[in-house]
Amino acid sequence: MITNLKLNKVYYVPKQLEPGILYFSKEFGIAAHLCPCGCGNKVVAPIAPTDWSLTVKRGKPTLYPSIGNWQIPCRSHYWVTDGKIVWSYQWTEDQIQDGRKHEEFQRKSYYENLERNRKEKSVFIQILNLFFKKGKRK
């Protein structure tokens, strides 16, 4: 069992991962590591506003929210906090489905808000452009 993850910043995530290493590619927005239970499965977490966030303090990584490996046989569930693996409880199938629905709702809300803000800014900029163009004509 792996108890800690050391951060390794990379451009490309290697094909063969080493136990105990959290590989982070800022360029591709992903973090990857081997499942800390020891099963050997690769775990990939997209780093994006609608997925996971990665923070680093004193060189130690924290991923938020927790990692739930529901699609691999071990079904491990844990947090990565200051480079430490903090094991969490197993989820039931109902909890997994509810969690996926909640994630989808959050993702949809995030992108709808982005679009709404873009449109509001666009209208505001059009008004400003009209105002300043009038001022230049005088």
Protein backbone atom coordinates (compact mmCIF):
# COMPACT_ATOMS: atom_id res chain seq x y z
CA MET A 1 0.00 0.00 0.00
CA ILE A 2 1.22 3.44 -0.93
CA THR A 3 0.93 6.03 1.85
CA ASN A 4 2.42 9.12 0.15
CA LEU A 5 2.58 10.68 -3.31
CA LYS A 6 5.55 12.77 -4.36
CA LEU A 7 4.88 15.38 -7.05
CA ASN A 8 6.69 15.06 -10.37
CA LYS A 9 5.94 17.86 -12.86
CA VAL A 10 6.20 16.58 -16.42
CA TYR A 11 5.25 17.66 -19.92
CA TYR A 12 4.08 14.18 -20.95
CA VAL A 13 2.88 11.59 -18.45
CA PRO A 14 5.07 8.51 -18.96
CA LYS A 15 3.55 5.23 -20.13
CA GLN A 16 5.06 3.40 -17.17
CA LEU A 17 4.24 5.05 -13.85
CA GLU A 18 6.22 4.54 -10.67
CA PRO A 19 4.45 3.82 -7.37
CA GLY A 20 4.28 6.78 -5.01
CA ILE A 21 4.62 9.44 -7.74
CA LEU A 22 1.89 11.89 -8.78
CA TYR A 23 2.74 13.01 -12.31
CA PHE A 24 1.33 16.42 -13.24
CA SER A 25 1.24 17.89 -16.73
CA LYS A 26 0.17 21.52 -16.61
CA GLU A 27 0.26 21.66 -20.40
CA PHE A 28 -2.29 18.85 -20.75
CA GLY A 29 -4.20 19.52 -17.52
CA ILE A 30 -3.89 16.05 -16.01
CA ALA A 31 -2.51 14.35 -12.95
CA ALA A 32 -1.79 10.63 -12.99
CA HIS A 33 -0.58 8.05 -10.48
CA LEU A 34 -0.78 4.36 -9.71
CA CYS A 35 -3.64 3.39 -7.44
CA PRO A 36 -2.26 3.48 -3.90
CA CYS A 37 -4.00 0.21 -2.93
CA GLY A 38 -1.28 -1.62 -4.86
CA CYS A 39 -3.52 -3.05 -7.61
CA GLY A 40 -1.28 -1.42 -10.24
CA ASN A 41 -4.04 0.42 -12.11
CA LYS A 42 -3.30 3.85 -13.54
CA VAL A 43 -5.48 6.65 -12.15
CA VAL A 44 -5.87 9.82 -14.21
CA ALA A 45 -7.50 12.97 -12.83
CA PRO A 46 -8.27 15.84 -15.23
CA ILE A 47 -7.25 19.13 -13.63
CA ALA A 48 -9.98 21.58 -14.64
CA PRO A 49 -12.62 23.79 -13.02
CA THR A 50 -15.25 21.06 -13.46
CA ASP A 51 -13.06 18.12 -12.41
CA TRP A 52 -10.19 18.07 -9.90
CA SER A 53 -8.02 20.85 -8.60
CA LEU A 54 -4.37 20.45 -7.71
CA THR A 55 -2.68 22.64 -5.15
CA VAL A 56 0.94 22.38 -4.08
CA LYS A 57 2.27 23.62 -0.76
CA ARG A 58 5.91 23.12 0.18
CA GLY A 59 6.19 20.75 -2.78
CA LYS A 60 3.40 18.47 -1.51
CA PRO A 61 0.34 17.88 -3.72
CA THR A 62 -3.32 18.04 -2.73
CA LEU A 63 -6.08 16.87 -5.08
CA TYR A 64 -9.67 17.94 -4.54
CA PRO A 65 -12.17 16.33 -4.40
CA SER A 66 -11.44 12.75 -3.35
CA ILE A 67 -10.49 10.06 -5.84
CA GLY A 68 -13.09 7.36 -6.26
CA ASN A 69 -11.89 4.54 -8.49
CA TRP A 70 -15.34 3.15 -9.19
CA GLN A 71 -14.47 1.84 -12.66
CA ILE A 72 -11.55 -0.38 -11.59
CA PRO A 73 -11.89 -3.64 -9.64
CA CYS A 74 -10.39 -2.37 -6.35
CA ARG A 75 -12.94 0.50 -6.15
CA SER A 76 -10.60 2.36 -3.81
CA HIS A 77 -11.61 5.74 -2.43
CA TYR A 78 -9.12 8.19 -0.94
CA TRP A 79 -7.97 11.77 -0.61
CA VAL A 80 -4.57 13.12 -1.58
CA THR A 81 -3.78 15.75 1.04
CA ASP A 82 -0.33 17.35 1.40
CA GLY A 83 1.18 14.36 -0.37
CA LYS A 84 -0.45 11.84 1.96
CA ILE A 85 -3.02 9.21 1.02
CA VAL A 86 -5.99 9.47 3.38
CA TRP A 87 -8.28 6.47 2.90
CA SER A 88 -12.01 7.05 2.80
CA TYR A 89 -15.05 4.79 2.99
CA GLN A 90 -16.42 2.69 0.15
CA TRP A 91 -19.44 4.05 -1.67
CA THR A 92 -22.52 2.05 -2.51
CA GLU A 93 -23.68 1.80 -6.11
CA ASP A 94 -26.45 4.35 -5.31
CA GLN A 95 -23.90 6.80 -3.87
CA ILE A 96 -21.74 6.42 -6.97
CA GLN A 97 -24.69 7.13 -9.29
CA ASP A 98 -25.76 10.13 -7.17
CA GLY A 99 -22.18 11.43 -7.22
CA ARG A 100 -22.01 11.14 -11.01
CA LYS A 101 -25.33 12.99 -11.38
CA HIS A 102 -24.08 15.73 -9.08
CA GLU A 103 -20.83 16.05 -11.05
CA GLU A 104 -22.78 16.32 -14.31
CA PHE A 105 -25.05 18.99 -12.79
CA GLN A 106 -22.02 20.98 -11.59
CA ARG A 107 -20.33 20.68 -14.97
CA LYS A 108 -23.45 21.82 -16.84
CA SER A 109 -23.98 24.75 -14.44
CA TYR A 110 -20.36 25.84 -14.78
CA TYR A 111 -20.48 26.00 -18.58
CA GLU A 112 -23.92 27.64 -18.62
CA ASN A 113 -22.59 30.35 -16.29
CA LEU A 114 -19.53 30.84 -18.51
CA GLU A 115 -21.75 31.29 -21.54
CA ARG A 116 -24.09 33.66 -19.70
CA ASN A 117 -21.14 35.76 -18.46
CA ARG A 118 -19.64 35.84 -21.95
CA LYS A 119 -22.91 37.13 -23.40
CA GLU A 120 -23.30 39.74 -20.63
CA LYS A 121 -19.75 40.98 -21.20
CA SER A 122 -20.35 41.04 -24.94
CA VAL A 123 -23.43 43.27 -24.56
CA PHE A 124 -21.57 45.52 -22.11
CA ILE A 125 -18.62 45.87 -24.50
CA GLN A 126 -20.97 46.66 -27.40
CA ILE A 127 -22.55 49.46 -25.34
CA LEU A 128 -19.11 50.81 -24.40
CA ASN A 129 -18.01 50.70 -28.04
CA LEU A 130 -21.12 52.62 -29.10
CA PHE A 131 -20.51 55.21 -26.41
CA PHE A 132 -16.86 55.72 -27.29
CA LYS A 133 -17.49 55.76 -31.04
CA LYS A 134 -20.06 58.54 -30.53
CA GLY A 135 -17.51 60.52 -28.54
CA LYS A 136 -14.91 60.24 -31.33
CA ARG A 137 -17.29 61.56 -34.00
CA LYS A 138 -17.72 64.97 -32.34
